[in-house]
Amino acid sequence: MSKLERIIASLLVQKKMTLAVAESCTGGLLSHLLTNIPGSSKYYECGIVSYSNRAKVEVLGISGKIIEEKGAVSEEVAREMALRIRELRETDLGISITGIAGPQGGNLKKPVGLVYMALSSSKDIRCQRFVFSGERKLIKWKSSQAALNMLREYLERET
């Protein structure tokens, strides 16, 4: 476990906040990292790997129209994923990741390494866009670390 995960765990416990995760391109890596901390059940409620568009629609309740119009890898879908997982699990925070880990699937408009992540609270939804380089495993790792950092920054500044 890294120092980053321990910091997040400490902040969530200290602030008595709960978290749910909706992941796509990371395939559960973010949830894995968050639950490596002993006692993570105090703050970690649920993680859903909604890898397919069908799962995004049927499990998370994302609008099929949004996916069709904007694509599964988009700011709009990342925001909806974070909001829906937070609402479905009735947690303080919901965080999501959607992206193209590669090596296939990218194009000029949406290249391999394009990742959107969003953090939903009762106050707002924040979204960040990244384009990571490297092979699939590295893109997944960089995505998970960026999401953890997004969560850490929120917990240190906003609560």
N, C-alpha and C. Protein backbone atom coordinates (compact mmCIF):
# COMPACT_ATOMS: atom_id res chain seq x y z
N MET A 1 0.85 -1.18 0.00
CA MET A 1 0.00 0.00 0.00
C MET A 1 0.89 1.24 0.00
N SER A 2 0.42 2.26 -0.67
CA SER A 2 1.22 3.48 -0.79
C SER A 2 0.81 4.49 0.27
N LYS A 3 1.65 5.48 0.38
CA LYS A 3 1.38 6.57 1.31
C LYS A 3 0.08 7.29 0.92
N LEU A 4 -0.17 7.41 -0.38
CA LEU A 4 -1.37 8.08 -0.86
C LEU A 4 -2.64 7.38 -0.36
N GLU A 5 -2.68 6.07 -0.47
CA GLU A 5 -3.86 5.33 0.02
C GLU A 5 -4.04 5.49 1.53
N ARG A 6 -2.95 5.48 2.26
CA ARG A 6 -3.03 5.66 3.72
C ARG A 6 -3.54 7.05 4.08
N ILE A 7 -3.09 8.07 3.35
CA ILE A 7 -3.57 9.44 3.59
C ILE A 7 -5.07 9.52 3.35
N ILE A 8 -5.53 8.97 2.23
CA ILE A 8 -6.96 8.99 1.90
C ILE A 8 -7.76 8.24 2.96
N ALA A 9 -7.29 7.08 3.35
CA ALA A 9 -7.98 6.31 4.38
C ALA A 9 -8.10 7.11 5.67
N SER A 10 -7.02 7.71 6.08
CA SER A 10 -7.01 8.51 7.31
C SER A 10 -7.99 9.67 7.22
N LEU A 11 -8.00 10.37 6.09
CA LEU A 11 -8.90 11.51 5.92
C LEU A 11 -10.36 11.07 5.90
N LEU A 12 -10.67 9.98 5.21
CA LEU A 12 -12.05 9.50 5.17
C LEU A 12 -12.53 9.09 6.55
N VAL A 13 -11.69 8.39 7.29
CA VAL A 13 -12.07 7.97 8.65
C VAL A 13 -12.22 9.19 9.55
N GLN A 14 -11.26 10.09 9.49
CA GLN A 14 -11.29 11.30 10.32
C GLN A 14 -12.54 12.13 10.06
N LYS A 15 -12.93 12.24 8.80
CA LYS A 15 -14.09 13.06 8.43
C LYS A 15 -15.40 12.27 8.43
N LYS A 16 -15.30 10.98 8.76
CA LYS A 16 -16.47 10.09 8.82
C LYS A 16 -17.25 10.13 7.50
N MET A 17 -16.50 9.96 6.41
CA MET A 17 -17.10 9.98 5.07
C MET A 17 -17.02 8.60 4.43
N THR A 18 -17.99 8.34 3.56
CA THR A 18 -18.02 7.06 2.84
C THR A 18 -17.83 7.31 1.35
N LEU A 19 -17.40 6.24 0.67
CA LEU A 19 -17.02 6.34 -0.73
C LEU A 19 -17.51 5.13 -1.51
N ALA A 20 -17.95 5.37 -2.74
CA ALA A 20 -18.26 4.30 -3.68
C ALA A 20 -17.55 4.61 -4.99
N VAL A 21 -17.20 3.57 -5.71
CA VAL A 21 -16.37 3.70 -6.92
C VAL A 21 -17.06 3.06 -8.12
N ALA A 22 -17.01 3.75 -9.26
CA ALA A 22 -17.48 3.19 -10.53
C ALA A 22 -16.30 3.28 -11.50
N GLU A 23 -15.82 2.12 -11.93
CA GLU A 23 -14.65 2.08 -12.80
C GLU A 23 -14.99 1.42 -14.13
N SER A 24 -14.27 1.86 -15.14
CA SER A 24 -14.36 1.18 -16.42
C SER A 24 -12.96 0.73 -16.83
N CYS A 25 -12.16 1.61 -17.40
CA CYS A 25 -10.88 1.20 -17.99
C CYS A 25 -9.87 0.66 -16.98
N THR A 26 -10.03 0.96 -15.72
CA THR A 26 -9.09 0.46 -14.70
C THR A 26 -9.47 -0.92 -14.19
N GLY A 27 -10.62 -1.41 -14.55
CA GLY A 27 -10.99 -2.79 -14.27
C GLY A 27 -10.97 -3.20 -12.81
N GLY A 28 -11.18 -2.26 -11.90
CA GLY A 28 -11.20 -2.59 -10.47
C GLY A 28 -9.93 -2.22 -9.74
N LEU A 29 -8.94 -1.69 -10.44
CA LEU A 29 -7.66 -1.35 -9.81
C LEU A 29 -7.83 -0.29 -8.72
N LEU A 30 -8.63 0.72 -8.97
CA LEU A 30 -8.84 1.76 -7.96
C LEU A 30 -9.46 1.17 -6.69
N SER A 31 -10.46 0.34 -6.86
CA SER A 31 -11.10 -0.31 -5.70
C SER A 31 -10.09 -1.19 -4.96
N HIS A 32 -9.28 -1.90 -5.72
CA HIS A 32 -8.24 -2.75 -5.12
C HIS A 32 -7.31 -1.91 -4.24
N LEU A 33 -6.86 -0.80 -4.76
CA LEU A 33 -5.92 0.04 -4.00
C LEU A 33 -6.57 0.62 -2.75
N LEU A 34 -7.82 1.06 -2.88
CA LEU A 34 -8.52 1.64 -1.72
C LEU A 34 -8.79 0.62 -0.63
N THR A 35 -8.97 -0.64 -1.02
CA THR A 35 -9.28 -1.66 -0.03
C THR A 35 -8.04 -2.41 0.46
N ASN A 36 -6.86 -2.01 0.04
CA ASN A 36 -5.62 -2.59 0.58
C ASN A 36 -5.35 -2.13 2.01
N ILE A 37 -6.05 -1.13 2.45
CA ILE A 37 -5.86 -0.57 3.78
C ILE A 37 -6.70 -1.35 4.79
N PRO A 38 -6.08 -1.87 5.84
CA PRO A 38 -6.88 -2.53 6.88
C PRO A 38 -7.91 -1.57 7.46
N GLY A 39 -9.12 -2.03 7.62
CA GLY A 39 -10.19 -1.18 8.15
C GLY A 39 -10.90 -0.36 7.09
N SER A 40 -10.64 -0.66 5.81
CA SER A 40 -11.25 0.12 4.73
C SER A 40 -12.78 0.01 4.71
N SER A 41 -13.32 -0.99 5.38
CA SER A 41 -14.78 -1.12 5.42
C SER A 41 -15.43 0.04 6.18
N LYS A 42 -14.65 0.82 6.90
CA LYS A 42 -15.20 1.99 7.60
C LYS A 42 -15.62 3.09 6.62
N TYR A 43 -15.00 3.13 5.46
CA TYR A 43 -15.29 4.20 4.51
C TYR A 43 -15.63 3.70 3.10
N TYR A 44 -15.19 2.51 2.73
CA TYR A 44 -15.41 2.01 1.38
C TYR A 44 -16.68 1.19 1.34
N GLU A 45 -17.67 1.67 0.58
CA GLU A 45 -18.98 1.01 0.51
C GLU A 45 -19.06 -0.02 -0.60
N CYS A 46 -18.64 0.38 -1.81
CA CYS A 46 -18.90 -0.47 -2.96
C CYS A 46 -18.05 -0.03 -4.15
N GLY A 47 -17.70 -0.99 -4.98
CA GLY A 47 -17.05 -0.69 -6.24
C GLY A 47 -17.73 -1.48 -7.35
N ILE A 48 -17.99 -0.82 -8.45
CA ILE A 48 -18.60 -1.48 -9.59
C ILE A 48 -17.69 -1.27 -10.79
N VAL A 49 -17.34 -2.37 -11.45
CA VAL A 49 -16.59 -2.30 -12.69
C VAL A 49 -17.61 -2.39 -13.81
N SER A 50 -17.95 -1.25 -14.36
CA SER A 50 -18.94 -1.19 -15.45
C SER A 50 -18.18 -1.05 -16.76
N TYR A 51 -17.60 -2.15 -17.19
CA TYR A 51 -16.71 -2.14 -18.34
C TYR A 51 -17.44 -1.95 -19.65
N SER A 52 -18.57 -2.56 -19.79
CA SER A 52 -19.33 -2.44 -21.04
C SER A 52 -20.33 -1.29 -20.96
N ASN A 53 -20.74 -0.82 -22.14
CA ASN A 53 -21.78 0.21 -22.18
C ASN A 53 -23.07 -0.32 -21.57
N ARG A 54 -23.36 -1.59 -21.82
CA ARG A 54 -24.56 -2.21 -21.27
C ARG A 54 -24.56 -2.15 -19.74
N ALA A 55 -23.42 -2.44 -19.13
CA ALA A 55 -23.33 -2.37 -17.67
C ALA A 55 -23.49 -0.94 -17.18
N LYS A 56 -22.96 0.01 -17.92
CA LYS A 56 -23.12 1.41 -17.52
C LYS A 56 -24.60 1.79 -17.49
N VAL A 57 -25.33 1.31 -18.48
CA VAL A 57 -26.75 1.61 -18.58
C VAL A 57 -27.56 0.80 -17.56
N GLU A 58 -27.37 -0.52 -17.54
CA GLU A 58 -28.22 -1.39 -16.73
C GLU A 58 -27.87 -1.39 -15.24
N VAL A 59 -26.61 -1.27 -14.91
CA VAL A 59 -26.20 -1.33 -13.50
C VAL A 59 -26.15 0.06 -12.87
N LEU A 60 -25.53 1.01 -13.58
CA LEU A 60 -25.39 2.35 -13.02
C LEU A 60 -26.55 3.28 -13.38
N GLY A 61 -27.28 2.96 -14.42
CA GLY A 61 -28.40 3.81 -14.82
C GLY A 61 -27.99 5.00 -15.66
N ILE A 62 -26.85 4.89 -16.33
CA ILE A 62 -26.42 5.96 -17.23
C ILE A 62 -27.34 5.95 -18.45
N SER A 63 -27.66 7.12 -18.94
CA SER A 63 -28.51 7.22 -20.12
C SER A 63 -27.80 6.67 -21.35
N GLY A 64 -28.46 5.75 -22.02
CA GLY A 64 -27.93 5.22 -23.27
C GLY A 64 -27.76 6.31 -24.31
N LYS A 65 -28.61 7.31 -24.24
CA LYS A 65 -28.54 8.44 -25.17
C LYS A 65 -27.24 9.22 -24.98
N ILE A 66 -26.83 9.42 -23.73
CA ILE A 66 -25.58 10.14 -23.46
C ILE A 66 -24.39 9.34 -24.00
N ILE A 67 -24.41 8.03 -23.77
CA ILE A 67 -23.32 7.19 -24.28
C ILE A 67 -23.29 7.22 -25.80
N GLU A 68 -24.46 7.15 -26.42
CA GLU A 68 -24.53 7.17 -27.87
C GLU A 68 -24.04 8.51 -28.43
N GLU A 69 -24.44 9.60 -27.81
CA GLU A 69 -24.09 10.94 -28.32
C GLU A 69 -22.66 11.36 -27.98
N LYS A 70 -22.22 11.10 -26.77
CA LYS A 70 -20.92 11.58 -26.31
C LYS A 70 -19.84 10.51 -26.29
N GLY A 71 -20.25 9.25 -26.24
CA GLY A 71 -19.30 8.15 -26.14
C GLY A 71 -19.07 7.77 -24.69
N ALA A 72 -18.73 6.51 -24.47
CA ALA A 72 -18.51 6.02 -23.10
C ALA A 72 -17.32 6.71 -22.45
N VAL A 73 -16.37 7.13 -23.27
CA VAL A 73 -15.21 7.86 -22.76
C VAL A 73 -15.46 9.35 -23.03
N SER A 74 -16.08 9.98 -22.04
CA SER A 74 -16.45 11.40 -22.16
C SER A 74 -16.63 11.99 -20.77
N GLU A 75 -16.55 13.30 -20.72
CA GLU A 75 -16.78 14.00 -19.45
C GLU A 75 -18.19 13.72 -18.94
N GLU A 76 -19.14 13.73 -19.85
CA GLU A 76 -20.54 13.54 -19.45
C GLU A 76 -20.77 12.18 -18.80
N VAL A 77 -20.19 11.13 -19.38
CA VAL A 77 -20.36 9.79 -18.82
C VAL A 77 -19.60 9.66 -17.50
N ALA A 78 -18.41 10.22 -17.40
CA ALA A 78 -17.66 10.17 -16.14
C ALA A 78 -18.45 10.85 -15.02
N ARG A 79 -19.04 12.00 -15.32
CA ARG A 79 -19.84 12.72 -14.31
C ARG A 79 -21.05 11.89 -13.88
N GLU A 80 -21.75 11.31 -14.85
CA GLU A 80 -22.91 10.49 -14.53
C GLU A 80 -22.53 9.26 -13.72
N MET A 81 -21.42 8.63 -14.07
CA MET A 81 -20.97 7.45 -13.32
C MET A 81 -20.72 7.81 -11.85
N ALA A 82 -20.02 8.93 -11.61
CA ALA A 82 -19.71 9.34 -10.24
C ALA A 82 -20.99 9.67 -9.46
N LEU A 83 -21.88 10.40 -10.11
CA LEU A 83 -23.15 10.77 -9.47
C LEU A 83 -23.99 9.54 -9.16
N ARG A 84 -24.15 8.67 -10.15
CA ARG A 84 -25.02 7.50 -9.98
C ARG A 84 -24.50 6.55 -8.92
N ILE A 85 -23.18 6.29 -8.87
CA ILE A 85 -22.66 5.36 -7.86
C ILE A 85 -22.85 5.96 -6.47
N ARG A 86 -22.69 7.26 -6.34
CA ARG A 86 -22.90 7.92 -5.04
C ARG A 86 -24.36 7.82 -4.62
N GLU A 87 -25.26 8.06 -5.55
CA GLU A 87 -26.69 7.99 -5.23
C GLU A 87 -27.14 6.55 -4.97
N LEU A 88 -26.70 5.62 -5.81
CA LEU A 88 -27.10 4.22 -5.64
C LEU A 88 -26.66 3.65 -4.30
N ARG A 89 -25.48 3.99 -3.86
CA ARG A 89 -24.94 3.43 -2.62
C ARG A 89 -25.09 4.37 -1.43
N GLU A 90 -25.68 5.54 -1.65
CA GLU A 90 -25.95 6.52 -0.59
C GLU A 90 -24.68 6.83 0.22
N THR A 91 -23.62 7.17 -0.51
CA THR A 91 -22.35 7.51 0.11
C THR A 91 -22.12 9.02 0.04
N ASP A 92 -21.14 9.48 0.80
CA ASP A 92 -20.79 10.90 0.76
C ASP A 92 -20.11 11.27 -0.55
N LEU A 93 -19.31 10.35 -1.07
CA LEU A 93 -18.56 10.61 -2.28
C LEU A 93 -18.71 9.45 -3.27
N GLY A 94 -18.68 9.78 -4.55
CA GLY A 94 -18.63 8.79 -5.61
C GLY A 94 -17.54 9.20 -6.56
N ILE A 95 -16.70 8.26 -6.93
CA ILE A 95 -15.62 8.57 -7.87
C ILE A 95 -15.70 7.60 -9.04
N SER A 96 -15.38 8.11 -10.23
CA SER A 96 -15.47 7.28 -11.43
C SER A 96 -14.25 7.48 -12.32
N ILE A 97 -13.99 6.45 -13.12
CA ILE A 97 -12.94 6.50 -14.14
C ILE A 97 -13.49 5.83 -15.39
N THR A 98 -13.32 6.49 -16.54
CA THR A 98 -13.64 5.90 -17.83
C THR A 98 -12.57 6.34 -18.81
N GLY A 99 -12.10 5.42 -19.64
CA GLY A 99 -11.03 5.80 -20.56
C GLY A 99 -10.71 4.70 -21.56
N ILE A 100 -9.66 4.97 -22.32
CA ILE A 100 -9.18 4.04 -23.34
C ILE A 100 -7.78 3.60 -22.95
N ALA A 101 -7.66 2.39 -22.43
CA ALA A 101 -6.37 1.89 -21.95
C ALA A 101 -5.52 1.32 -23.08
N GLY A 102 -6.14 0.98 -24.20
CA GLY A 102 -5.40 0.51 -25.37
C GLY A 102 -5.03 -0.96 -25.29
N PRO A 103 -4.27 -1.44 -26.21
CA PRO A 103 -3.62 -0.68 -27.28
C PRO A 103 -4.56 -0.31 -28.43
N GLN A 104 -5.72 -0.96 -28.55
CA GLN A 104 -6.69 -0.60 -29.57
C GLN A 104 -7.75 0.31 -28.96
N GLY A 105 -8.63 0.80 -29.84
CA GLY A 105 -9.79 1.55 -29.38
C GLY A 105 -9.67 3.05 -29.52
N GLY A 106 -8.49 3.55 -29.75
CA GLY A 106 -8.32 4.99 -29.87
C GLY A 106 -8.46 5.47 -31.30
N ASN A 107 -8.63 6.77 -31.44
CA ASN A 107 -8.65 7.41 -32.75
C ASN A 107 -8.10 8.82 -32.59
N LEU A 108 -8.12 9.62 -33.64
CA LEU A 108 -7.55 10.97 -33.54
C LEU A 108 -8.29 11.84 -32.52
N LYS A 109 -9.60 11.69 -32.46
CA LYS A 109 -10.40 12.51 -31.54
C LYS A 109 -10.29 12.00 -30.10
N LYS A 110 -10.24 10.68 -29.96
CA LYS A 110 -10.14 10.06 -28.64
C LYS A 110 -9.00 9.04 -28.67
N PRO A 111 -7.78 9.50 -28.37
CA PRO A 111 -6.62 8.61 -28.48
C PRO A 111 -6.51 7.61 -27.33
N VAL A 112 -5.74 6.56 -27.56
CA VAL A 112 -5.40 5.65 -26.47
C VAL A 112 -4.75 6.49 -25.37
N GLY A 113 -5.15 6.24 -24.15
CA GLY A 113 -4.63 7.00 -23.01
C GLY A 113 -5.56 8.10 -22.54
N LEU A 114 -6.63 8.38 -23.31
CA LEU A 114 -7.61 9.38 -22.90
C LEU A 114 -8.42 8.84 -21.73
N VAL A 115 -8.45 9.59 -20.64
CA VAL A 115 -9.16 9.16 -19.44
C VAL A 115 -9.90 10.35 -18.83
N TYR A 116 -11.14 10.10 -18.45
CA TYR A 116 -11.91 11.08 -17.69
C TYR A 116 -12.19 10.47 -16.32
N MET A 117 -12.06 11.30 -15.29
CA MET A 117 -12.45 10.85 -13.95
C MET A 117 -13.26 11.95 -13.30
N ALA A 118 -14.22 11.55 -12.50
CA ALA A 118 -15.09 12.52 -11.85
C ALA A 118 -15.27 12.14 -10.38
N LEU A 119 -15.49 13.18 -9.58
CA LEU A 119 -15.73 13.02 -8.15
C LEU A 119 -17.03 13.74 -7.81
N SER A 120 -17.98 13.00 -7.28
CA SER A 120 -19.29 13.55 -6.94
C SER A 120 -19.44 13.64 -5.43
N SER A 121 -19.90 14.80 -4.98
CA SER A 121 -20.27 15.01 -3.57
C SER A 121 -21.67 15.59 -3.57
N SER A 122 -22.21 15.84 -2.40
CA SER A 122 -23.55 16.44 -2.35
C SER A 122 -23.53 17.88 -2.85
N LYS A 123 -22.34 18.48 -2.92
CA LYS A 123 -22.22 19.88 -3.35
C LYS A 123 -22.02 20.04 -4.85
N ASP A 124 -21.22 19.16 -5.45
CA ASP A 124 -20.92 19.32 -6.87
C ASP A 124 -20.29 18.06 -7.45
N ILE A 125 -20.02 18.13 -8.74
CA ILE A 125 -19.29 17.07 -9.43
C ILE A 125 -18.12 17.71 -10.15
N ARG A 126 -16.94 17.19 -9.88
CA ARG A 126 -15.73 17.69 -10.54
C ARG A 126 -15.23 16.63 -11.50
N CYS A 127 -14.74 17.08 -12.63
CA CYS A 127 -14.24 16.14 -13.63
C CYS A 127 -12.88 16.60 -14.13
N GLN A 128 -12.01 15.64 -14.38
CA GLN A 128 -10.69 15.93 -14.94
C GLN A 128 -10.47 15.06 -16.16
N ARG A 129 -9.73 15.61 -17.12
CA ARG A 129 -9.39 14.91 -18.37
C ARG A 129 -7.87 14.73 -18.42
N PHE A 130 -7.45 13.54 -18.79
CA PHE A 130 -6.03 13.23 -18.92
C PHE A 130 -5.80 12.49 -20.23
N VAL A 131 -4.60 12.61 -20.76
CA VAL A 131 -4.15 11.74 -21.83
C VAL A 131 -2.81 11.17 -21.38
N PHE A 132 -2.85 9.91 -20.95
CA PHE A 132 -1.66 9.23 -20.44
C PHE A 132 -0.97 8.48 -21.57
N SER A 133 0.33 8.39 -21.46
CA SER A 133 1.10 7.61 -22.44
C SER A 133 1.54 6.30 -21.81
N GLY A 134 1.95 5.38 -22.67
CA GLY A 134 2.45 4.10 -22.17
C GLY A 134 1.58 2.94 -22.60
N GLU A 135 1.99 1.76 -22.16
CA GLU A 135 1.22 0.56 -22.48
C GLU A 135 0.01 0.47 -21.56
N ARG A 136 -0.87 -0.46 -21.87
CA ARG A 136 -2.15 -0.62 -21.18
C ARG A 136 -2.01 -0.64 -19.65
N LYS A 137 -1.12 -1.47 -19.16
CA LYS A 137 -0.96 -1.60 -17.71
C LYS A 137 -0.55 -0.27 -17.08
N LEU A 138 0.31 0.48 -17.75
CA LEU A 138 0.78 1.76 -17.23
C LEU A 138 -0.33 2.81 -17.26
N ILE A 139 -1.13 2.80 -18.32
CA ILE A 139 -2.25 3.74 -18.40
C ILE A 139 -3.25 3.46 -17.27
N LYS A 140 -3.51 2.20 -17.00
CA LYS A 140 -4.40 1.85 -15.89
C LYS A 140 -3.81 2.33 -14.56
N TRP A 141 -2.53 2.13 -14.37
CA TRP A 141 -1.87 2.55 -13.13
C TRP A 141 -1.91 4.07 -12.98
N LYS A 142 -1.55 4.79 -14.03
CA LYS A 142 -1.56 6.25 -13.98
C LYS A 142 -2.97 6.77 -13.69
N SER A 143 -3.97 6.13 -14.29
CA SER A 143 -5.36 6.53 -14.06
C SER A 143 -5.75 6.34 -12.60
N SER A 144 -5.38 5.22 -12.03
CA SER A 144 -5.72 4.96 -10.62
C SER A 144 -5.04 5.96 -9.70
N GLN A 145 -3.80 6.30 -10.00
CA GLN A 145 -3.06 7.24 -9.17
C GLN A 145 -3.63 8.66 -9.28
N ALA A 146 -4.03 9.05 -10.49
CA ALA A 146 -4.64 10.36 -10.68
C ALA A 146 -5.98 10.45 -9.93
N ALA A 147 -6.74 9.37 -9.95
CA ALA A 147 -8.02 9.35 -9.22
C ALA A 147 -7.79 9.44 -7.71
N LEU A 148 -6.81 8.70 -7.23
CA LEU A 148 -6.48 8.78 -5.80
C LEU A 148 -6.06 10.20 -5.44
N ASN A 149 -5.26 10.82 -6.28
CA ASN A 149 -4.81 12.18 -6.01
C ASN A 149 -5.97 13.16 -6.04
N MET A 150 -6.88 12.98 -6.97
CA MET A 150 -8.09 13.82 -7.03
C MET A 150 -8.88 13.71 -5.73
N LEU A 151 -9.03 12.50 -5.25
CA LEU A 151 -9.73 12.26 -4.00
C LEU A 151 -9.00 12.90 -2.81
N ARG A 152 -7.68 12.73 -2.77
CA ARG A 152 -6.88 13.33 -1.69
C ARG A 152 -7.02 14.85 -1.69
N GLU A 153 -6.88 15.47 -2.87
CA GLU A 153 -7.00 16.92 -2.95
C GLU A 153 -8.36 17.41 -2.46
N TYR A 154 -9.40 16.72 -2.85
CA TYR A 154 -10.75 17.08 -2.40
C TYR A 154 -10.84 16.99 -0.88
N LEU A 155 -10.40 15.88 -0.32
CA LEU A 155 -10.52 15.69 1.12
C LEU A 155 -9.68 16.68 1.92
N GLU A 156 -8.54 17.08 1.39
CA GLU A 156 -7.68 18.03 2.11
C GLU A 156 -8.18 19.48 1.99
N ARG A 157 -8.83 19.81 0.88
CA ARG A 157 -9.21 21.20 0.63
C ARG A 157 -10.67 21.51 0.89
N GLU A 158 -11.55 20.59 0.58
CA GLU A 158 -12.97 20.93 0.51
C GLU A 158 -13.80 20.51 1.72
N THR A 159 -13.24 19.73 2.59
CA THR A 159 -14.09 19.26 3.70
C THR A 159 -13.59 19.78 5.02
